[in-house]
PDB file of N, CA and C in Angstrom:
ATOM      1  N   MET A   1       0.853  -1.173   0.000  1.00  0.00           N
ATOM      2  CA  MET A   1       0.000   0.000   0.000  1.00  0.00           C
ATOM      3  C   MET A   1       0.895   1.232   0.000  1.00  0.00           C
ATOM      4  N   SER A   2       0.719   2.109  -0.975  1.00  0.00           N
ATOM      5  CA  SER A   2       1.572   3.297  -1.052  1.00  0.00           C
ATOM      6  C   SER A   2       0.852   4.503  -0.487  1.00  0.00           C
ATOM      7  N   ASN A   3       1.645   5.425  -0.022  1.00  0.00           N
ATOM      8  CA  ASN A   3       1.113   6.654   0.553  1.00  0.00           C
ATOM      9  C   ASN A   3       0.942   7.677  -0.557  1.00  0.00           C
ATOM     10  N   PRO A   4      -0.269   8.217  -0.774  1.00  0.00           N
ATOM     11  CA  PRO A   4      -0.482   9.180  -1.861  1.00  0.00           C
ATOM     12  C   PRO A   4       0.187  10.532  -1.609  1.00  0.00           C
ATOM     13  N   HIS A   5       0.646  10.776  -0.391  1.00  0.00           N
ATOM     14  CA  HIS A   5       1.248  12.060  -0.056  1.00  0.00           C
ATOM     15  C   HIS A   5       2.749  12.100  -0.295  1.00  0.00           C
ATOM     16  N   ILE A   6       3.336  10.981  -0.685  1.00  0.00           N
ATOM     17  CA  ILE A   6       4.772  10.924  -0.942  1.00  0.00           C
ATOM     18  C   ILE A   6       5.012  11.151  -2.424  1.00  0.00           C
ATOM     19  N   GLY A   7       5.904  12.079  -2.747  1.00  0.00           N
ATOM     20  CA  GLY A   7       6.211  12.405  -4.128  1.00  0.00           C
ATOM     21  C   GLY A   7       7.079  11.349  -4.789  1.00  0.00           C
ATOM     22  N   THR A   8       7.280  11.511  -6.088  1.00  0.00           N
ATOM     23  CA  THR A   8       8.050  10.555  -6.877  1.00  0.00           C
ATOM     24  C   THR A   8       9.485  10.434  -6.378  1.00  0.00           C
ATOM     25  N   LEU A   9      10.140  11.564  -6.107  1.00  0.00           N
ATOM     26  CA  LEU A   9      11.520  11.539  -5.627  1.00  0.00           C
ATOM     27  C   LEU A   9      11.617  10.796  -4.305  1.00  0.00           C
ATOM     28  N   ALA A  10      10.692  11.078  -3.407  1.00  0.00           N
ATOM     29  CA  ALA A  10      10.699  10.407  -2.108  1.00  0.00           C
ATOM     30  C   ALA A  10      10.493   8.905  -2.267  1.00  0.00           C
ATOM     31  N   LYS A  11       9.653   8.515  -3.199  1.00  0.00           N
ATOM     32  CA  LYS A  11       9.417   7.086  -3.441  1.00  0.00           C
ATOM     33  C   LYS A  11      10.694   6.413  -3.926  1.00  0.00           C
ATOM     34  N   ARG A  12      11.428   7.070  -4.827  1.00  0.00           N
ATOM     35  CA  ARG A  12      12.687   6.507  -5.317  1.00  0.00           C
ATOM     36  C   ARG A  12      13.705   6.384  -4.187  1.00  0.00           C
ATOM     37  N   MET A  13      13.734   7.395  -3.336  1.00  0.00           N
ATOM     38  CA  MET A  13      14.689   7.382  -2.226  1.00  0.00           C
ATOM     39  C   MET A  13      14.360   6.267  -1.240  1.00  0.00           C
ATOM     40  N   LEU A  14      13.078   6.051  -0.985  1.00  0.00           N
ATOM     41  CA  LEU A  14      12.682   4.991  -0.071  1.00  0.00           C
ATOM     42  C   LEU A  14      12.950   3.611  -0.664  1.00  0.00           C
ATOM     43  N   ALA A  15      12.772   3.479  -1.969  1.00  0.00           N
ATOM     44  CA  ALA A  15      12.975   2.190  -2.624  1.00  0.00           C
ATOM     45  C   ALA A  15      14.457   1.834  -2.738  1.00  0.00           C
ATOM     46  N   ASP A  16      15.309   2.833  -2.916  1.00  0.00           N
ATOM     47  CA  ASP A  16      16.743   2.591  -3.112  1.00  0.00           C
ATOM     48  C   ASP A  16      17.527   3.352  -2.047  1.00  0.00           C
ATOM     49  N   PRO A  17      18.044   2.673  -1.028  1.00  0.00           N
ATOM     50  CA  PRO A  17      18.759   3.365   0.046  1.00  0.00           C
ATOM     51  C   PRO A  17      20.016   4.094  -0.429  1.00  0.00           C
ATOM     52  N   ASP A  18      20.577   3.700  -1.574  1.00  0.00           N
ATOM     53  CA  ASP A  18      21.769   4.357  -2.096  1.00  0.00           C
ATOM     54  C   ASP A  18      21.443   5.507  -3.046  1.00  0.00           C
ATOM     55  N   TYR A  19      20.172   5.811  -3.221  1.00  0.00           N
ATOM     56  CA  TYR A  19      19.763   6.822  -4.196  1.00  0.00           C
ATOM     57  C   TYR A  19      20.399   8.181  -3.923  1.00  0.00           C
ATOM     58  N   ARG A  20      20.337   8.613  -2.678  1.00  0.00           N
ATOM     59  CA  ARG A  20      20.841   9.958  -2.372  1.00  0.00           C
ATOM     60  C   ARG A  20      22.321  10.090  -2.650  1.00  0.00           C
ATOM     61  N   THR A  21      23.100   9.096  -2.281  1.00  0.00           N
ATOM     62  CA  THR A  21      24.537   9.211  -2.489  1.00  0.00           C
ATOM     63  C   THR A  21      24.916   8.984  -3.941  1.00  0.00           C
ATOM     64  N   SER A  22      24.141   8.170  -4.655  1.00  0.00           N
ATOM     65  CA  SER A  22      24.487   7.893  -6.046  1.00  0.00           C
ATOM     66  C   SER A  22      24.158   9.062  -6.968  1.00  0.00           C
ATOM     67  N   THR A  23      23.188   9.881  -6.589  1.00  0.00           N
ATOM     68  CA  THR A  23      22.808  10.998  -7.448  1.00  0.00           C
ATOM     69  C   THR A  23      23.591  12.260  -7.143  1.00  0.00           C
ATOM     70  N   GLY A  24      24.291  12.296  -6.012  1.00  0.00           N
ATOM     71  CA  GLY A  24      25.114  13.451  -5.677  1.00  0.00           C
ATOM     72  C   GLY A  24      24.328  14.662  -5.215  1.00  0.00           C
ATOM     73  N   HIS A  25      23.135  14.439  -4.675  1.00  0.00           N
ATOM     74  CA  HIS A  25      22.385  15.573  -4.139  1.00  0.00           C
ATOM     75  C   HIS A  25      23.190  16.232  -3.040  1.00  0.00           C
ATOM     76  N   ARG A  26      23.171  17.534  -2.998  1.00  0.00           N
ATOM     77  CA  ARG A  26      23.954  18.282  -2.030  1.00  0.00           C
ATOM     78  C   ARG A  26      23.629  17.840  -0.611  1.00  0.00           C
ATOM     79  N   TRP A  27      22.376  17.576  -0.328  1.00  0.00           N
ATOM     80  CA  TRP A  27      21.970  17.217   1.023  1.00  0.00           C
ATOM     81  C   TRP A  27      22.077  15.735   1.288  1.00  0.00           C
ATOM     82  N   GLY A  28      22.433  14.944   0.299  1.00  0.00           N
ATOM     83  CA  GLY A  28      22.433  13.514   0.513  1.00  0.00           C
ATOM     84  C   GLY A  28      23.748  12.824   0.235  1.00  0.00           C
ATOM     85  N   ASN A  29      24.804  13.558   0.002  1.00  0.00           N
ATOM     86  CA  ASN A  29      26.053  12.875  -0.335  1.00  0.00           C
ATOM     87  C   ASN A  29      27.060  12.904   0.801  1.00  0.00           C
ATOM     88  N   GLY A  30      26.599  13.139   1.998  1.00  0.00           N
ATOM     89  CA  GLY A  30      27.492  13.071   3.155  1.00  0.00           C
ATOM     90  C   GLY A  30      28.540  14.164   3.196  1.00  0.00           C
ATOM     91  N   GLY A  31      28.322  15.272   2.498  1.00  0.00           N
ATOM     92  CA  GLY A  31      29.259  16.380   2.520  1.00  0.00           C
ATOM     93  C   GLY A  31      30.397  16.252   1.544  1.00  0.00           C
ATOM     94  N   GLU A  32      30.330  15.295   0.635  1.00  0.00           N
ATOM     95  CA  GLU A  32      31.421  15.106  -0.320  1.00  0.00           C
ATOM     96  C   GLU A  32      31.656  16.341  -1.173  1.00  0.00           C
ATOM     97  N   HIS A  33      30.607  17.143  -1.397  1.00  0.00           N
ATOM     98  CA  HIS A  33      30.760  18.346  -2.212  1.00  0.00           C
ATOM     99  C   HIS A  33      31.665  19.370  -1.547  1.00  0.00           C
ATOM    100  N   GLN A  34      31.889  19.251  -0.252  1.00  0.00           N
ATOM    101  CA  GLN A  34      32.709  20.220   0.475  1.00  0.00           C
ATOM    102  C   GLN A  34      34.123  19.730   0.750  1.00  0.00           C
ATOM    103  N   ARG A  35      34.370  18.454   0.595  1.00  0.00           N
ATOM    104  CA  ARG A  35      35.690  17.929   0.925  1.00  0.00           C
ATOM    105  C   ARG A  35      36.762  18.561   0.043  1.00  0.00           C
ATOM    106  N   GLY A  36      37.817  19.040   0.660  1.00  0.00           N
ATOM    107  CA  GLY A  36      38.908  19.648  -0.085  1.00  0.00           C
ATOM    108  C   GLY A  36      38.688  21.109  -0.417  1.00  0.00           C
ATOM    109  N   ARG A  37      37.580  21.672   0.014  1.00  0.00           N
ATOM    110  CA  ARG A  37      37.287  23.072  -0.298  1.00  0.00           C
ATOM    111  C   ARG A  37      37.406  23.988   0.909  1.00  0.00           C
ATOM    112  N   ILE A  38      37.971  23.507   1.972  1.00  0.00           N
ATOM    113  CA  ILE A  38      38.089  24.325   3.178  1.00  0.00           C
ATOM    114  C   ILE A  38      39.029  25.496   2.913  1.00  0.00           C
ATOM    115  N   ALA A  39      38.632  26.663   3.380  1.00  0.00           N
ATOM    116  CA  ALA A  39      39.432  27.873   3.165  1.00  0.00           C
ATOM    117  C   ALA A  39      40.649  27.862   4.088  1.00  0.00           C
ATOM    118  N   VAL A  40      41.795  28.118   3.522  1.00  0.00           N
ATOM    119  CA  VAL A  40      43.037  28.199   4.298  1.00  0.00           C
ATOM    120  C   VAL A  40      43.288  29.667   4.597  1.00  0.00           C
ATOM    121  N   PRO A  41      43.435  30.035   5.874  1.00  0.00           N
ATOM    122  CA  PRO A  41      43.650  31.449   6.206  1.00  0.00           C
ATOM    123  C   PRO A  41      44.962  31.966   5.623  1.00  0.00           C
ATOM    124  N   THR A  42      44.962  33.226   5.239  1.00  0.00           N
ATOM    125  CA  THR A  42      46.166  33.835   4.668  1.00  0.00           C
ATOM    126  C   THR A  42      46.999  34.522   5.734  1.00  0.00           C
ATOM    127  N   SER A  43      46.414  34.735   6.907  1.00  0.00           N
ATOM    128  CA  SER A  43      47.158  35.338   8.006  1.00  0.00           C
ATOM    129  C   SER A  43      46.908  34.499   9.252  1.00  0.00           C
ATOM    130  N   GLY A  44      47.542  34.882  10.333  1.00  0.00           N
ATOM    131  CA  GLY A  44      47.390  34.128  11.571  1.00  0.00           C
ATOM    132  C   GLY A  44      48.618  33.296  11.852  1.00  0.00           C
ATOM    133  N   HIS A  45      48.537  32.527  12.896  1.00  0.00           N
ATOM    134  CA  HIS A  45      49.673  31.716  13.327  1.00  0.00           C
ATOM    135  C   HIS A  45      49.990  30.656  12.279  1.00  0.00           C
ATOM    136  N   PRO A  46      51.274  30.420  12.002  1.00  0.00           N
ATOM    137  CA  PRO A  46      51.652  29.419  11.003  1.00  0.00           C
ATOM    138  C   PRO A  46      51.115  28.014  11.303  1.00  0.00           C
ATOM    139  N   ALA A  47      51.021  27.658  12.575  1.00  0.00           N
ATOM    140  CA  ALA A  47      50.505  26.328  12.924  1.00  0.00           C
ATOM    141  C   ALA A  47      49.020  26.210  12.563  1.00  0.00           C
ATOM    142  N   VAL A  48      48.278  27.295  12.720  1.00  0.00           N
ATOM    143  CA  VAL A  48      46.860  27.301  12.351  1.00  0.00           C
ATOM    144  C   VAL A  48      46.725  27.213  10.839  1.00  0.00           C
ATOM    145  N   ARG A  49      47.538  27.969  10.116  1.00  0.00           N
ATOM    146  CA  ARG A  49      47.504  27.896   8.649  1.00  0.00           C
ATOM    147  C   ARG A  49      47.842  26.489   8.179  1.00  0.00           C
ATOM    148  N   ARG A  50      48.812  25.863   8.832  1.00  0.00           N
ATOM    149  CA  ARG A  50      49.203  24.496   8.465  1.00  0.00           C
ATOM    150  C   ARG A  50      48.074  23.512   8.750  1.00  0.00           C
ATOM    151  N   LEU A  51      47.385  23.692   9.878  1.00  0.00           N
ATOM    152  CA  LEU A  51      46.254  22.837  10.209  1.00  0.00           C
ATOM    153  C   LEU A  51      45.211  22.874   9.094  1.00  0.00           C
ATOM    154  N   PHE A  52      44.833  24.071   8.675  1.00  0.00           N
ATOM    155  CA  PHE A  52      43.803  24.203   7.644  1.00  0.00           C
ATOM    156  C   PHE A  52      44.290  23.717   6.277  1.00  0.00           C
ATOM    157  N   SER A  53      45.564  23.924   5.977  1.00  0.00           N
ATOM    158  CA  SER A  53      46.073  23.427   4.692  1.00  0.00           C
ATOM    159  C   SER A  53      46.113  21.900   4.684  1.00  0.00           C
ATOM    160  N   GLU A  54      46.437  21.288   5.824  1.00  0.00           N
ATOM    161  CA  GLU A  54      46.429  19.824   5.905  1.00  0.00           C
ATOM    162  C   GLU A  54      45.006  19.276   5.869  1.00  0.00           C
ATOM    163  N   MET A  55      44.070  19.987   6.468  1.00  0.00           N
ATOM    164  CA  MET A  55      42.671  19.573   6.381  1.00  0.00           C
ATOM    165  C   MET A  55      42.214  19.603   4.922  1.00  0.00           C
ATOM    166  N   ARG A  56      42.626  20.628   4.205  1.00  0.00           N
ATOM    167  CA  ARG A  56      42.262  20.737   2.788  1.00  0.00           C
ATOM    168  C   ARG A  56      42.931  19.634   1.969  1.00  0.00           C
ATOM    169  N   ARG A  57      44.226  19.416   2.197  1.00  0.00           N
ATOM    170  CA  ARG A  57      44.967  18.414   1.444  1.00  0.00           C
ATOM    171  C   ARG A  57      44.405  17.016   1.666  1.00  0.00           C
ATOM    172  N   SER A  58      44.100  16.702   2.926  1.00  0.00           N
ATOM    173  CA  SER A  58      43.604  15.359   3.253  1.00  0.00           C
ATOM    174  C   SER A  58      42.088  15.234   3.093  1.00  0.00           C
ATOM    175  N   LYS A  59      41.452  16.349   2.705  1.00  0.00           N
ATOM    176  CA  LYS A  59      39.990  16.381   2.514  1.00  0.00           C
ATOM    177  C   LYS A  59      39.259  15.914   3.771  1.00  0.00           C
ATOM    178  N   THR A  60      39.694  16.460   4.897  1.00  0.00           N
ATOM    179  CA  THR A  60      39.097  16.139   6.184  1.00  0.00           C
ATOM    180  C   THR A  60      38.159  17.266   6.591  1.00  0.00           C
ATOM    181  N   HIS A  61      36.941  16.909   6.913  1.00  0.00           N
ATOM    182  CA  HIS A  61      35.939  17.897   7.320  1.00  0.00           C
ATOM    183  C   HIS A  61      36.290  18.526   8.662  1.00  0.00           C
ATOM    184  N   LEU A  62      35.895  19.758   8.822  1.00  0.00           N
ATOM    185  CA  LEU A  62      36.028  20.456  10.093  1.00  0.00           C
ATOM    186  C   LEU A  62      35.270  19.696  11.179  1.00  0.00           C
ATOM    187  N   THR A  63      34.110  19.163  10.824  1.00  0.00           N
ATOM    188  CA  THR A  63      33.299  18.403  11.774  1.00  0.00           C
ATOM    189  C   THR A  63      34.036  17.155  12.245  1.00  0.00           C
ATOM    190  N   GLU A  64      34.753  16.501  11.342  1.00  0.00           N
ATOM    191  CA  GLU A  64      35.508  15.304  11.711  1.00  0.00           C
ATOM    192  C   GLU A  64      36.650  15.655  12.661  1.00  0.00           C
ATOM    193  N   VAL A  65      37.382  16.709  12.351  1.00  0.00           N
ATOM    194  CA  VAL A  65      38.479  17.139  13.231  1.00  0.00           C
ATOM    195  C   VAL A  65      37.924  17.504  14.595  1.00  0.00           C
ATOM    196  N   SER A  66      36.814  18.218  14.596  1.00  0.00           N
ATOM    197  CA  SER A  66      36.192  18.621  15.845  1.00  0.00           C
ATOM    198  C   SER A  66      35.768  17.413  16.677  1.00  0.00           C
ATOM    199  N   GLY A  67      35.076  16.487  16.046  1.00  0.00           N
ATOM    200  CA  GLY A  67      34.584  15.322  16.772  1.00  0.00           C
ATOM    201  C   GLY A  67      35.692  14.438  17.316  1.00  0.00           C
ATOM    202  N   ARG A  68      36.715  14.224  16.526  1.00  0.00           N
ATOM    203  CA  ARG A  68      37.798  13.336  16.942  1.00  0.00           C
ATOM    204  C   ARG A  68      38.750  13.995  17.936  1.00  0.00           C
ATOM    205  N   SER A  69      38.854  15.326  17.897  1.00  0.00           N
ATOM    206  CA  SER A  69      39.781  16.019  18.799  1.00  0.00           C
ATOM    207  C   SER A  69      39.125  16.458  20.103  1.00  0.00           C
ATOM    208  N   GLY A  70      37.806  16.572  20.093  1.00  0.00           N
ATOM    209  CA  GLY A  70      37.108  17.057  21.280  1.00  0.00           C
ATOM    210  C   GLY A  70      37.081  18.571  21.375  1.00  0.00           C
ATOM    211  N   VAL A  71      37.512  19.257  20.321  1.00  0.00           N
ATOM    212  CA  VAL A  71      37.499  20.722  20.279  1.00  0.00           C
ATOM    213  C   VAL A  71      36.235  21.146  19.532  1.00  0.00           C
ATOM    214  N   ALA A  72      35.514  22.096  20.081  1.00  0.00           N
ATOM    215  CA  ALA A  72      34.264  22.537  19.462  1.00  0.00           C
ATOM    216  C   ALA A  72      34.500  23.015  18.033  1.00  0.00           C
ATOM    217  N   ARG A  73      33.563  22.693  17.156  1.00  0.00           N
ATOM    218  CA  ARG A  73      33.654  23.077  15.742  1.00  0.00           C
ATOM    219  C   ARG A  73      33.794  24.591  15.607  1.00  0.00           C
ATOM    220  N   ARG A  74      32.998  25.312  16.356  1.00  0.00           N
ATOM    221  CA  ARG A  74      33.016  26.781  16.303  1.00  0.00           C
ATOM    222  C   ARG A  74      34.380  27.321  16.745  1.00  0.00           C
ATOM    223  N   THR A  75      35.001  26.691  17.701  1.00  0.00           N
ATOM    224  CA  THR A  75      36.318  27.117  18.176  1.00  0.00           C
ATOM    225  C   THR A  75      37.339  27.027  17.046  1.00  0.00           C
ATOM    226  N   ILE A  76      37.326  25.896  16.326  1.00  0.00           N
ATOM    227  CA  ILE A  76      38.273  25.720  15.222  1.00  0.00           C
ATOM    228  C   ILE A  76      37.968  26.712  14.110  1.00  0.00           C
ATOM    229  N   GLN A  77      36.698  26.958  13.850  1.00  0.00           N
ATOM    230  CA  GLN A  77      36.323  27.957  12.832  1.00  0.00           C
ATOM    231  C   GLN A  77      36.883  29.326  13.187  1.00  0.00           C
ATOM    232  N   GLN A  78      36.830  29.678  14.454  1.00  0.00           N
ATOM    233  CA  GLN A  78      37.302  30.995  14.887  1.00  0.00           C
ATOM    234  C   GLN A  78      38.805  31.153  14.734  1.00  0.00           C
ATOM    235  N   TRP A  79      39.552  30.071  14.740  1.00  0.00           N
ATOM    236  CA  TRP A  79      40.998  30.160  14.520  1.00  0.00           C
ATOM    237  C   TRP A  79      41.278  30.698  13.127  1.00  0.00           C
ATOM    238  N   ARG A  80      40.418  30.408  12.192  1.00  0.00           N
ATOM    239  CA  ARG A  80      40.622  30.846  10.806  1.00  0.00           C
ATOM    240  C   ARG A  80      40.541  32.372  10.678  1.00  0.00           C
ATOM    241  N   VAL A  81      39.776  33.001  11.545  1.00  0.00           N
ATOM    242  CA  VAL A  81      39.578  34.445  11.423  1.00  0.00           C
ATOM    243  C   VAL A  81      40.360  35.249  12.456  1.00  0.00           C
ATOM    244  N   GLY A  82      41.320  34.624  13.121  1.00  0.00           N
ATOM    245  CA  GLY A  82      42.217  35.390  13.973  1.00  0.00           C
ATOM    246  C   GLY A  82      42.201  35.071  15.441  1.00  0.00           C
ATOM    247  N   CYS A  83      41.235  34.279  15.928  1.00  0.00           N
ATOM    248  CA  CYS A  83      41.272  33.900  17.338  1.00  0.00           C
ATOM    249  C   CYS A  83      42.462  32.972  17.564  1.00  0.00           C
ATOM    250  N   VAL A  84      43.142  33.168  18.662  1.00  0.00           N
ATOM    251  CA  VAL A  84      44.354  32.398  18.951  1.00  0.00           C
ATOM    252  C   VAL A  84      43.977  31.125  19.710  1.00  0.00           C
ATOM    253  N   PRO A  85      44.390  29.965  19.202  1.00  0.00           N
ATOM    254  CA  PRO A  85      44.053  28.714  19.890  1.00  0.00           C
ATOM    255  C   PRO A  85      44.944  28.491  21.105  1.00  0.00           C
ATOM    256  N   ASN A  86      44.410  27.741  22.083  1.00  0.00           N
ATOM    257  CA  ASN A  86      45.314  27.354  23.158  1.00  0.00           C
ATOM    258  C   ASN A  86      46.090  26.126  22.693  1.00  0.00           C
ATOM    259  N   VAL A  87      47.208  25.882  23.306  1.00  0.00           N
ATOM    260  CA  VAL A  87      48.136  24.847  22.859  1.00  0.00           C
ATOM    261  C   VAL A  87      47.487  23.463  22.865  1.00  0.00           C
ATOM    262  N   ALA A  88      46.741  23.141  23.908  1.00  0.00           N
ATOM    263  CA  ALA A  88      46.133  21.812  24.019  1.00  0.00           C
ATOM    264  C   ALA A  88      45.132  21.562  22.896  1.00  0.00           C
ATOM    265  N   ASN A  89      44.306  22.552  22.584  1.00  0.00           N
ATOM    266  CA  ASN A  89      43.313  22.392  21.520  1.00  0.00           C
ATOM    267  C   ASN A  89      43.969  22.280  20.148  1.00  0.00           C
ATOM    268  N   LEU A  90      44.967  23.103  19.900  1.00  0.00           N
ATOM    269  CA  LEU A  90      45.663  23.054  18.619  1.00  0.00           C
ATOM    270  C   LEU A  90      46.354  21.707  18.440  1.00  0.00           C
ATOM    271  N   GLU A  91      46.999  21.229  19.495  1.00  0.00           N
ATOM    272  CA  GLU A  91      47.678  19.936  19.406  1.00  0.00           C
ATOM    273  C   GLU A  91      46.673  18.808  19.174  1.00  0.00           C
ATOM    274  N   ALA A  92      45.530  18.855  19.832  1.00  0.00           N
ATOM    275  CA  ALA A  92      44.510  17.823  19.650  1.00  0.00           C
ATOM    276  C   ALA A  92      44.016  17.804  18.205  1.00  0.00           C
ATOM    277  N   ALA A  93      43.790  18.981  17.625  1.00  0.00           N
ATOM    278  CA  ALA A  93      43.338  19.061  16.232  1.00  0.00           C
ATOM    279  C   ALA A  93      44.409  18.548  15.271  1.00  0.00           C
ATOM    280  N   LEU A  94      45.662  18.901  15.516  1.00  0.00           N
ATOM    281  CA  LEU A  94      46.759  18.423  14.671  1.00  0.00           C
ATOM    282  C   LEU A  94      46.922  16.910  14.774  1.00  0.00           C
ATOM    283  N   ASN A  95      46.730  16.358  15.962  1.00  0.00           N
ATOM    284  CA  ASN A  95      46.853  14.909  16.164  1.00  0.00           C
ATOM    285  C   ASN A  95      45.867  14.132  15.304  1.00  0.00           C
ATOM    286  N   VAL A  96      44.685  14.671  15.095  1.00  0.00           N
ATOM    287  CA  VAL A  96      43.679  14.022  14.252  1.00  0.00           C
ATOM    288  C   VAL A  96      44.221  13.825  12.839  1.00  0.00           C
ATOM    289  N   LEU A  97      45.035  14.769  12.380  1.00  0.00           N
ATOM    290  CA  LEU A  97      45.573  14.720  11.020  1.00  0.00           C
ATOM    291  C   LEU A  97      46.926  14.013  10.957  1.00  0.00           C
ATOM    292  N   GLY A  98      47.377  13.498  12.094  1.00  0.00           N
ATOM    293  CA  GLY A  98      48.650  12.778  12.116  1.00  0.00           C
ATOM    294  C   GLY A  98      49.857  13.654  12.368  1.00  0.00           C
ATOM    295  N   TYR A  99      49.657  14.824  12.944  1.00  0.00           N
ATOM    296  CA  TYR A  99      50.757  15.741  13.257  1.00  0.00           C
ATOM    297  C   TYR A  99      50.800  15.985  14.747  1.00  0.00           C
ATOM    298  N   ARG A 100      51.946  16.486  15.217  1.00  0.00           N
ATOM    299  CA  ARG A 100      52.058  16.888  16.609  1.00  0.00           C
ATOM    300  C   ARG A 100      52.717  18.253  16.665  1.00  0.00           C
ATOM    301  N   LEU A 101      52.500  18.929  17.746  1.00  0.00           N
ATOM    302  CA  LEU A 101      53.087  20.242  17.971  1.00  0.00           C
ATOM    303  C   LEU A 101      54.398  20.026  18.697  1.00  0.00           C
ATOM    304  N   ALA A 102      55.448  20.675  18.242  1.00  0.00           N
ATOM    305  CA  ALA A 102      56.767  20.471  18.858  1.00  0.00           C
ATOM    306  C   ALA A 102      57.498  21.797  18.985  1.00  0.00           C
ATOM    307  N   VAL A 103      58.341  21.885  19.992  1.00  0.00           N
ATOM    308  CA  VAL A 103      59.207  23.039  20.183  1.00  0.00           C
ATOM    309  C   VAL A 103      60.570  22.644  19.629  1.00  0.00           C
ATOM    310  N   VAL A 104      61.066  23.428  18.685  1.00  0.00           N
ATOM    311  CA  VAL A 104      62.357  23.133  18.077  1.00  0.00           C
ATOM    312  C   VAL A 104      63.244  24.367  18.172  1.00  0.00           C
ATOM    313  N   PRO A 105      64.548  24.181  18.266  1.00  0.00           N
ATOM    314  CA  PRO A 105      65.436  25.343  18.357  1.00  0.00           C
ATOM    315  C   PRO A 105      65.417  26.134  17.041  1.00  0.00           C
ATOM    316  N   MET A 106      65.584  27.435  17.197  1.00  0.00           N
ATOM    317  CA  MET A 106      65.626  28.301  16.021  1.00  0.00           C
ATOM    318  C   MET A 106      66.985  28.150  15.334  1.00  0.00           C
ATOM    319  N   GLY A 107      66.970  28.126  14.019  1.00  0.00           N
ATOM    320  CA  GLY A 107      68.210  28.023  13.267  1.00  0.00           C
ATOM    321  C   GLY A 107      68.846  29.386  13.119  1.00  0.00           C
ATOM    322  N   ASP A 108      69.955  29.451  12.430  1.00  0.00           N
ATOM    323  CA  ASP A 108      70.671  30.715  12.240  1.00  0.00           C
ATOM    324  C   ASP A 108      69.850  31.741  11.467  1.00  0.00           C
ATOM    325  N   GLY A 109      69.116  31.292  10.458  1.00  0.00           N
ATOM    326  CA  GLY A 109      68.372  32.218   9.612  1.00  0.00           C
ATOM    327  C   GLY A 109      66.953  32.464  10.028  1.00  0.00           C
ATOM    328  N   GLU A 110      66.542  31.951  11.180  1.00  0.00           N
ATOM    329  CA  GLU A 110      65.140  32.101  11.584  1.00  0.00           C
ATOM    330  C   GLU A 110      64.955  33.160  12.641  1.00  0.00           C
TER     331      GLU A 110
END
């Protein structure tokens, strides 16, 4: 028995669980349309710029970094526009991408 209030698209989606991801609908592809498009800040701390460039390179969502690091999504977003991260949060976010924060001696030219 079919429901007369369900449209054709909804019927196709209900019949085929892979329909949304196979058609590439913006709302149904799990965010794939955004992977690799994260904006890398042009100013700010070099470690923050590196974090965002690595997120872009590895096509890792901000939501994924946030969830795995325990740092609020909004907090990481604010780093892009100039808010300074605390060391623990920055290190946690970098760890998600396979990096760590380290103190190294300055060279002659630095």
